[in-house]
N, C-alpha and C. Protein backbone atom coordinates (compact mmCIF):
# COMPACT_ATOMS: atom_id res chain seq x y z
N MET A 1 115.92 94.07 84.67
CA MET A 1 114.93 94.54 85.64
C MET A 1 115.61 94.75 87.00
N ALA A 2 116.57 95.61 87.00
CA ALA A 2 117.38 95.83 88.21
C ALA A 2 116.58 96.42 89.36
N VAL A 3 115.61 97.29 89.06
CA VAL A 3 114.81 97.89 90.13
C VAL A 3 114.03 96.81 90.86
N PHE A 4 113.39 95.92 90.11
CA PHE A 4 112.64 94.83 90.74
C PHE A 4 113.57 93.97 91.59
N ASP A 5 114.73 93.62 91.05
CA ASP A 5 115.66 92.75 91.78
C ASP A 5 116.05 93.37 93.13
N LYS A 6 116.34 94.67 93.13
CA LYS A 6 116.75 95.33 94.37
C LYS A 6 115.58 95.42 95.35
N ILE A 7 114.40 95.77 94.83
CA ILE A 7 113.22 95.85 95.70
C ILE A 7 112.89 94.47 96.26
N GLN A 8 112.98 93.46 95.43
CA GLN A 8 112.73 92.08 95.89
C GLN A 8 113.70 91.73 97.02
N GLU A 9 114.97 92.07 96.84
CA GLU A 9 116.00 91.79 97.84
C GLU A 9 115.67 92.49 99.16
N ILE A 10 115.24 93.75 99.10
CA ILE A 10 114.89 94.51 100.30
C ILE A 10 113.69 93.87 101.00
N ILE A 11 112.67 93.50 100.22
CA ILE A 11 111.47 92.89 100.81
C ILE A 11 111.81 91.55 101.47
N VAL A 12 112.60 90.75 100.80
CA VAL A 12 113.01 89.45 101.36
C VAL A 12 113.75 89.67 102.68
N GLU A 13 114.66 90.64 102.69
CA GLU A 13 115.45 90.92 103.89
C GLU A 13 114.58 91.48 105.02
N GLU A 14 113.72 92.45 104.71
CA GLU A 14 112.91 93.11 105.74
C GLU A 14 111.78 92.23 106.28
N LEU A 15 111.16 91.45 105.38
CA LEU A 15 109.98 90.68 105.79
C LEU A 15 110.28 89.21 106.05
N GLY A 16 111.51 88.80 105.79
CA GLY A 16 111.88 87.41 106.04
C GLY A 16 111.16 86.43 105.14
N LYS A 17 110.92 86.83 103.91
CA LYS A 17 110.22 85.98 102.93
C LYS A 17 111.23 85.35 101.99
N GLU A 18 110.76 84.33 101.25
CA GLU A 18 111.58 83.73 100.20
C GLU A 18 111.43 84.57 98.93
N ALA A 19 112.48 84.64 98.13
CA ALA A 19 112.45 85.44 96.90
C ALA A 19 111.32 84.98 95.97
N GLU A 20 111.03 83.68 95.97
CA GLU A 20 109.98 83.15 95.09
C GLU A 20 108.60 83.69 95.46
N GLU A 21 108.44 84.13 96.71
CA GLU A 21 107.16 84.68 97.17
C GLU A 21 106.94 86.12 96.71
N VAL A 22 108.01 86.78 96.30
CA VAL A 22 107.95 88.20 95.97
C VAL A 22 107.99 88.37 94.46
N LYS A 23 106.80 88.52 93.87
CA LYS A 23 106.66 88.72 92.43
C LYS A 23 106.01 90.09 92.20
N LEU A 24 106.00 90.54 90.96
CA LEU A 24 105.40 91.84 90.65
C LEU A 24 103.94 91.92 91.07
N GLU A 25 103.21 90.82 90.89
CA GLU A 25 101.77 90.83 91.19
C GLU A 25 101.46 90.56 92.66
N THR A 26 102.48 90.30 93.47
CA THR A 26 102.27 90.00 94.89
C THR A 26 101.88 91.27 95.63
N SER A 27 100.79 91.18 96.40
CA SER A 27 100.37 92.34 97.21
C SER A 27 101.08 92.28 98.56
N PHE A 28 101.16 93.43 99.20
CA PHE A 28 101.78 93.47 100.52
C PHE A 28 100.92 92.71 101.52
N GLU A 29 99.62 92.68 101.27
CA GLU A 29 98.72 91.91 102.12
C GLU A 29 99.09 90.41 102.05
N GLU A 30 99.37 89.93 100.84
CA GLU A 30 99.76 88.52 100.67
C GLU A 30 101.07 88.21 101.40
N LEU A 31 101.90 89.23 101.57
CA LEU A 31 103.18 89.05 102.26
C LEU A 31 103.03 89.21 103.78
N ASP A 32 101.78 89.38 104.23
CA ASP A 32 101.50 89.61 105.65
C ASP A 32 102.27 90.81 106.21
N ALA A 33 102.38 91.85 105.39
CA ALA A 33 103.10 93.05 105.80
C ALA A 33 102.14 94.03 106.46
N ASP A 34 102.46 94.41 107.70
CA ASP A 34 101.66 95.43 108.35
C ASP A 34 102.24 96.81 108.01
N SER A 35 101.62 97.86 108.54
CA SER A 35 102.05 99.21 108.17
C SER A 35 103.50 99.48 108.57
N LEU A 36 103.94 98.94 109.69
CA LEU A 36 105.33 99.13 110.10
C LEU A 36 106.29 98.42 109.14
N ASP A 37 105.93 97.20 108.73
CA ASP A 37 106.75 96.47 107.75
C ASP A 37 106.87 97.27 106.46
N ILE A 38 105.74 97.78 105.99
CA ILE A 38 105.73 98.54 104.74
C ILE A 38 106.57 99.80 104.89
N PHE A 39 106.44 100.47 106.03
CA PHE A 39 107.26 101.66 106.30
C PHE A 39 108.75 101.33 106.23
N GLN A 40 109.15 100.21 106.83
CA GLN A 40 110.56 99.82 106.82
C GLN A 40 111.04 99.52 105.40
N VAL A 41 110.21 98.80 104.63
CA VAL A 41 110.57 98.49 103.25
C VAL A 41 110.72 99.78 102.45
N ILE A 42 109.75 100.68 102.58
CA ILE A 42 109.79 101.94 101.83
C ILE A 42 110.99 102.78 102.24
N SER A 43 111.29 102.81 103.53
CA SER A 43 112.44 103.55 104.02
C SER A 43 113.74 103.03 103.40
N GLU A 44 113.87 101.71 103.35
CA GLU A 44 115.06 101.10 102.73
C GLU A 44 115.14 101.44 101.24
N ILE A 45 114.00 101.40 100.57
CA ILE A 45 113.97 101.70 99.13
C ILE A 45 114.32 103.17 98.89
N GLU A 46 113.79 104.06 99.73
CA GLU A 46 114.13 105.48 99.60
C GLU A 46 115.63 105.69 99.73
N ASP A 47 116.25 105.02 100.70
CA ASP A 47 117.70 105.13 100.90
C ASP A 47 118.46 104.56 99.71
N GLU A 48 118.04 103.40 99.25
CA GLU A 48 118.73 102.71 98.16
C GLU A 48 118.70 103.51 96.86
N PHE A 49 117.52 104.07 96.53
CA PHE A 49 117.35 104.75 95.25
C PHE A 49 117.43 106.28 95.37
N ASP A 50 117.65 106.79 96.59
CA ASP A 50 117.76 108.22 96.84
C ASP A 50 116.53 108.97 96.30
N ILE A 51 115.36 108.48 96.70
CA ILE A 51 114.10 109.10 96.32
C ILE A 51 113.24 109.26 97.57
N SER A 52 112.13 109.96 97.41
CA SER A 52 111.15 110.09 98.47
C SER A 52 109.84 109.50 97.98
N ILE A 53 109.27 108.59 98.74
CA ILE A 53 108.02 107.94 98.35
C ILE A 53 106.90 108.53 99.19
N GLU A 54 105.98 109.21 98.51
CA GLU A 54 104.88 109.88 99.20
C GLU A 54 103.56 109.14 99.03
N ALA A 55 103.49 108.24 98.06
CA ALA A 55 102.20 107.64 97.67
C ALA A 55 102.01 106.24 98.24
N GLU A 56 102.40 106.03 99.50
CA GLU A 56 102.33 104.68 100.08
C GLU A 56 100.96 104.05 99.93
N ASP A 57 99.91 104.86 100.08
CA ASP A 57 98.54 104.32 100.05
C ASP A 57 98.17 103.69 98.72
N SER A 58 98.73 104.21 97.63
CA SER A 58 98.38 103.67 96.32
C SER A 58 99.27 102.51 95.91
N LEU A 59 100.24 102.17 96.73
CA LEU A 59 101.17 101.09 96.41
C LEU A 59 100.68 99.81 97.06
N LYS A 60 99.91 99.03 96.31
CA LYS A 60 99.28 97.82 96.86
C LYS A 60 100.07 96.55 96.56
N THR A 61 100.82 96.58 95.45
CA THR A 61 101.59 95.39 95.06
C THR A 61 103.06 95.73 94.88
N VAL A 62 103.86 94.70 94.79
CA VAL A 62 105.29 94.89 94.52
C VAL A 62 105.46 95.60 93.18
N GLY A 63 104.64 95.24 92.20
CA GLY A 63 104.70 95.88 90.89
C GLY A 63 104.41 97.37 90.95
N ASP A 64 103.43 97.75 91.79
CA ASP A 64 103.13 99.18 91.97
C ASP A 64 104.36 99.92 92.48
N LEU A 65 105.02 99.31 93.43
CA LEU A 65 106.21 99.92 94.03
C LEU A 65 107.35 100.01 93.01
N VAL A 66 107.56 98.95 92.23
CA VAL A 66 108.59 98.95 91.20
C VAL A 66 108.31 100.05 90.18
N ALA A 67 107.07 100.14 89.72
CA ALA A 67 106.70 101.17 88.73
C ALA A 67 106.93 102.57 89.29
N TYR A 68 106.56 102.77 90.55
CA TYR A 68 106.74 104.07 91.19
C TYR A 68 108.23 104.44 91.25
N VAL A 69 109.05 103.50 91.68
CA VAL A 69 110.49 103.77 91.79
C VAL A 69 111.08 104.03 90.41
N GLU A 70 110.69 103.24 89.41
CA GLU A 70 111.20 103.45 88.06
C GLU A 70 110.82 104.84 87.55
N GLU A 71 109.61 105.28 87.83
CA GLU A 71 109.15 106.60 87.41
C GLU A 71 109.96 107.71 88.10
N GLN A 72 110.25 107.53 89.38
CA GLN A 72 110.99 108.53 90.16
C GLN A 72 112.47 108.58 89.81
N THR A 73 113.00 107.51 89.24
CA THR A 73 114.46 107.46 88.97
C THR A 73 114.78 107.67 87.50
N LYS A 74 113.81 108.08 86.71
CA LYS A 74 114.08 108.33 85.28
C LYS A 74 114.92 109.56 85.11
């Protein structure tokens, strides 16, 4: 599950959270992420995976984001 591991690492780094707090079912709301935090996380993920993320509004959980990135990198 390399995509999850990298996304988890980015979220931990950007939001200053512990890795144990960042699970697939964790929502960004639970991580106390505001829109700027989410923008920074998405920007890092776009750079890391060389993709463009347009569907920020539908990405409510870490799992949503992982699934989106996996779909874009197939």
